[in-house]
């Protein structure tokens, strides 16, 4: 059985990125990330990608915003 992912905790671990930033990085709508945070489980490739994301993946994005 797959363990549940805490998407909010993942976003916090990634430097406090927003739902929109995570959605953009994953190629999904922000509403999909919201659904994940409200009980719908990410599946297949999305789940694997969530588990593989690292803070460094978003460092360039946050530096560009400054």
N, C-alpha and C. Protein backbone atom coordinates (compact mmCIF):
# COMPACT_ATOMS: atom_id res chain seq x y z
N UNK A 1 0.84 -1.19 0.00
CA UNK A 1 0.00 0.00 0.00
C UNK A 1 0.88 1.25 0.00
N UNK A 2 0.51 2.22 -0.81
CA UNK A 2 1.26 3.46 -0.88
C UNK A 2 0.94 4.34 0.31
N UNK A 3 1.97 4.99 0.86
CA UNK A 3 1.70 5.91 1.96
C UNK A 3 1.23 7.24 1.37
N UNK A 4 0.44 7.95 2.15
CA UNK A 4 -0.09 9.23 1.69
C UNK A 4 1.02 10.27 1.67
N UNK A 5 0.94 11.14 0.69
CA UNK A 5 1.89 12.24 0.59
C UNK A 5 1.26 13.49 1.19
N UNK A 6 2.05 14.20 1.99
CA UNK A 6 1.60 15.48 2.54
C UNK A 6 2.12 16.56 1.60
N UNK A 7 1.28 16.99 0.69
CA UNK A 7 1.70 17.93 -0.35
C UNK A 7 2.09 19.28 0.25
N UNK A 8 1.38 19.72 1.27
CA UNK A 8 1.75 20.99 1.92
C UNK A 8 3.14 20.89 2.52
N UNK A 9 3.46 19.77 3.14
CA UNK A 9 4.79 19.58 3.72
C UNK A 9 5.85 19.53 2.61
N UNK A 10 5.52 18.91 1.50
CA UNK A 10 6.45 18.87 0.38
C UNK A 10 6.72 20.28 -0.12
N UNK A 11 5.67 21.09 -0.26
CA UNK A 11 5.86 22.48 -0.71
C UNK A 11 6.72 23.26 0.28
N UNK A 12 6.50 23.04 1.57
CA UNK A 12 7.30 23.72 2.59
C UNK A 12 8.76 23.29 2.49
N UNK A 13 9.00 22.00 2.32
CA UNK A 13 10.36 21.48 2.19
C UNK A 13 11.05 22.01 0.94
N UNK A 14 10.27 22.37 -0.05
CA UNK A 14 10.83 22.90 -1.30
C UNK A 14 11.05 24.40 -1.23
N UNK A 15 11.05 24.94 -0.04
CA UNK A 15 11.33 26.37 0.13
C UNK A 15 10.09 27.22 0.27
N UNK A 16 8.97 26.59 0.58
CA UNK A 16 7.74 27.35 0.77
C UNK A 16 7.12 27.81 -0.54
N UNK A 17 7.27 26.99 -1.58
CA UNK A 17 6.69 27.37 -2.87
C UNK A 17 5.17 27.34 -2.81
N UNK A 18 4.54 28.06 -3.71
CA UNK A 18 3.09 28.13 -3.74
C UNK A 18 2.52 26.94 -4.51
N UNK A 19 1.23 26.75 -4.38
CA UNK A 19 0.56 25.72 -5.16
C UNK A 19 0.77 25.98 -6.65
N UNK A 20 0.68 27.25 -7.05
CA UNK A 20 0.84 27.60 -8.46
C UNK A 20 2.25 27.27 -8.96
N UNK A 21 3.27 27.53 -8.14
CA UNK A 21 4.64 27.21 -8.54
C UNK A 21 4.83 25.70 -8.69
N UNK A 22 4.29 24.93 -7.76
CA UNK A 22 4.40 23.49 -7.85
C UNK A 22 3.64 22.97 -9.08
N UNK A 23 2.46 23.51 -9.30
CA UNK A 23 1.67 23.10 -10.46
C UNK A 23 2.42 23.40 -11.76
N UNK A 24 3.01 24.57 -11.84
CA UNK A 24 3.76 24.95 -13.05
C UNK A 24 4.93 24.00 -13.28
N UNK A 25 5.64 23.67 -12.22
CA UNK A 25 6.80 22.79 -12.34
C UNK A 25 6.39 21.37 -12.76
N UNK A 26 5.19 20.97 -12.39
CA UNK A 26 4.74 19.62 -12.70
C UNK A 26 3.89 19.53 -13.96
N UNK A 27 3.53 20.69 -14.51
CA UNK A 27 2.72 20.68 -15.72
C UNK A 27 1.26 20.33 -15.48
N UNK A 28 0.77 20.73 -14.30
CA UNK A 28 -0.65 20.50 -13.98
C UNK A 28 -1.27 21.82 -13.58
N UNK A 29 -2.59 21.85 -13.46
CA UNK A 29 -3.28 23.06 -13.00
C UNK A 29 -3.11 23.23 -11.50
N UNK A 30 -3.19 24.46 -11.05
CA UNK A 30 -3.12 24.75 -9.61
C UNK A 30 -4.25 24.03 -8.89
N UNK A 31 -5.39 23.88 -9.53
CA UNK A 31 -6.51 23.19 -8.89
C UNK A 31 -6.19 21.72 -8.62
N UNK A 32 -5.34 21.13 -9.43
CA UNK A 32 -4.92 19.75 -9.21
C UNK A 32 -4.11 19.65 -7.92
N UNK A 33 -3.18 20.59 -7.72
CA UNK A 33 -2.39 20.61 -6.49
C UNK A 33 -3.31 20.82 -5.29
N UNK A 34 -4.27 21.72 -5.44
CA UNK A 34 -5.24 21.95 -4.37
C UNK A 34 -6.01 20.67 -4.05
N UNK A 35 -6.43 19.96 -5.09
CA UNK A 35 -7.15 18.69 -4.88
C UNK A 35 -6.27 17.69 -4.13
N UNK A 36 -4.99 17.63 -4.48
CA UNK A 36 -4.07 16.72 -3.79
C UNK A 36 -3.99 17.07 -2.31
N UNK A 37 -3.98 18.37 -2.01
CA UNK A 37 -3.88 18.79 -0.62
C UNK A 37 -5.17 18.55 0.15
N UNK A 38 -6.24 18.32 -0.58
CA UNK A 38 -7.55 18.12 0.06
C UNK A 38 -8.06 16.69 -0.07
N UNK A 39 -7.12 15.74 -0.21
CA UNK A 39 -7.51 14.35 -0.12
C UNK A 39 -7.39 13.50 -1.37
N UNK A 40 -7.39 14.11 -2.53
CA UNK A 40 -7.23 13.30 -3.74
C UNK A 40 -5.76 12.91 -3.87
N UNK A 41 -5.49 11.65 -4.12
CA UNK A 41 -4.10 11.18 -4.17
C UNK A 41 -3.48 11.36 -5.54
N UNK A 42 -2.28 11.92 -5.59
CA UNK A 42 -1.57 11.93 -6.88
C UNK A 42 -1.18 10.51 -7.23
N UNK A 43 -1.23 10.18 -8.51
CA UNK A 43 -0.96 8.81 -8.94
C UNK A 43 0.08 8.78 -10.04
N UNK A 44 0.62 7.61 -10.25
CA UNK A 44 1.52 7.36 -11.36
C UNK A 44 2.70 8.31 -11.43
N UNK A 45 2.93 8.87 -12.62
CA UNK A 45 4.09 9.75 -12.82
C UNK A 45 4.09 10.98 -11.90
N UNK A 46 2.91 11.53 -11.61
CA UNK A 46 2.85 12.71 -10.73
C UNK A 46 3.36 12.36 -9.34
N UNK A 47 2.99 11.22 -8.84
CA UNK A 47 3.44 10.78 -7.52
C UNK A 47 4.95 10.60 -7.51
N UNK A 48 5.48 9.96 -8.54
CA UNK A 48 6.93 9.75 -8.62
C UNK A 48 7.67 11.07 -8.71
N UNK A 49 7.14 12.00 -9.49
CA UNK A 49 7.78 13.31 -9.62
C UNK A 49 7.77 14.06 -8.29
N UNK A 50 6.65 14.02 -7.58
CA UNK A 50 6.57 14.68 -6.27
C UNK A 50 7.64 14.15 -5.32
N UNK A 51 7.85 12.85 -5.35
CA UNK A 51 8.83 12.24 -4.46
C UNK A 51 10.27 12.56 -4.86
N UNK A 52 10.47 12.98 -6.11
CA UNK A 52 11.83 13.24 -6.57
C UNK A 52 12.22 14.71 -6.55
N UNK A 53 11.27 15.61 -6.31
CA UNK A 53 11.57 17.04 -6.32
C UNK A 53 12.50 17.41 -5.18
N UNK A 54 13.38 18.35 -5.47
CA UNK A 54 14.32 18.85 -4.47
C UNK A 54 14.27 20.38 -4.45
N UNK A 55 14.68 20.94 -3.32
CA UNK A 55 14.67 22.39 -3.17
C UNK A 55 15.47 23.07 -4.28
N UNK A 56 16.57 22.45 -4.70
CA UNK A 56 17.41 23.04 -5.74
C UNK A 56 16.66 23.20 -7.06
N UNK A 57 15.65 22.37 -7.28
CA UNK A 57 14.86 22.46 -8.50
C UNK A 57 14.14 23.81 -8.60
N UNK A 58 13.95 24.48 -7.46
CA UNK A 58 13.22 25.73 -7.43
C UNK A 58 14.11 26.92 -7.10
N UNK A 59 15.39 26.70 -6.86
CA UNK A 59 16.30 27.77 -6.48
C UNK A 59 16.40 28.81 -7.60
N UNK A 60 16.60 28.38 -8.82
CA UNK A 60 16.72 29.30 -9.94
C UNK A 60 15.43 30.09 -10.13
N UNK A 61 14.30 29.43 -9.91
CA UNK A 61 13.01 30.09 -10.07
C UNK A 61 12.84 31.21 -9.04
N UNK A 62 13.22 30.96 -7.79
CA UNK A 62 13.07 31.98 -6.77
C UNK A 62 14.09 33.10 -6.93
N UNK A 63 15.29 32.77 -7.42
CA UNK A 63 16.31 33.81 -7.67
C UNK A 63 15.87 34.72 -8.80
N UNK A 64 15.25 34.19 -9.82
CA UNK A 64 14.78 34.97 -10.95
C UNK A 64 13.66 35.93 -10.54
N UNK A 65 12.89 35.54 -9.55
CA UNK A 65 11.78 36.37 -9.09
C UNK A 65 12.25 37.57 -8.27
N UNK A 66 13.49 37.52 -7.78
CA UNK A 66 13.98 38.61 -6.92
C UNK A 66 14.53 39.76 -7.70
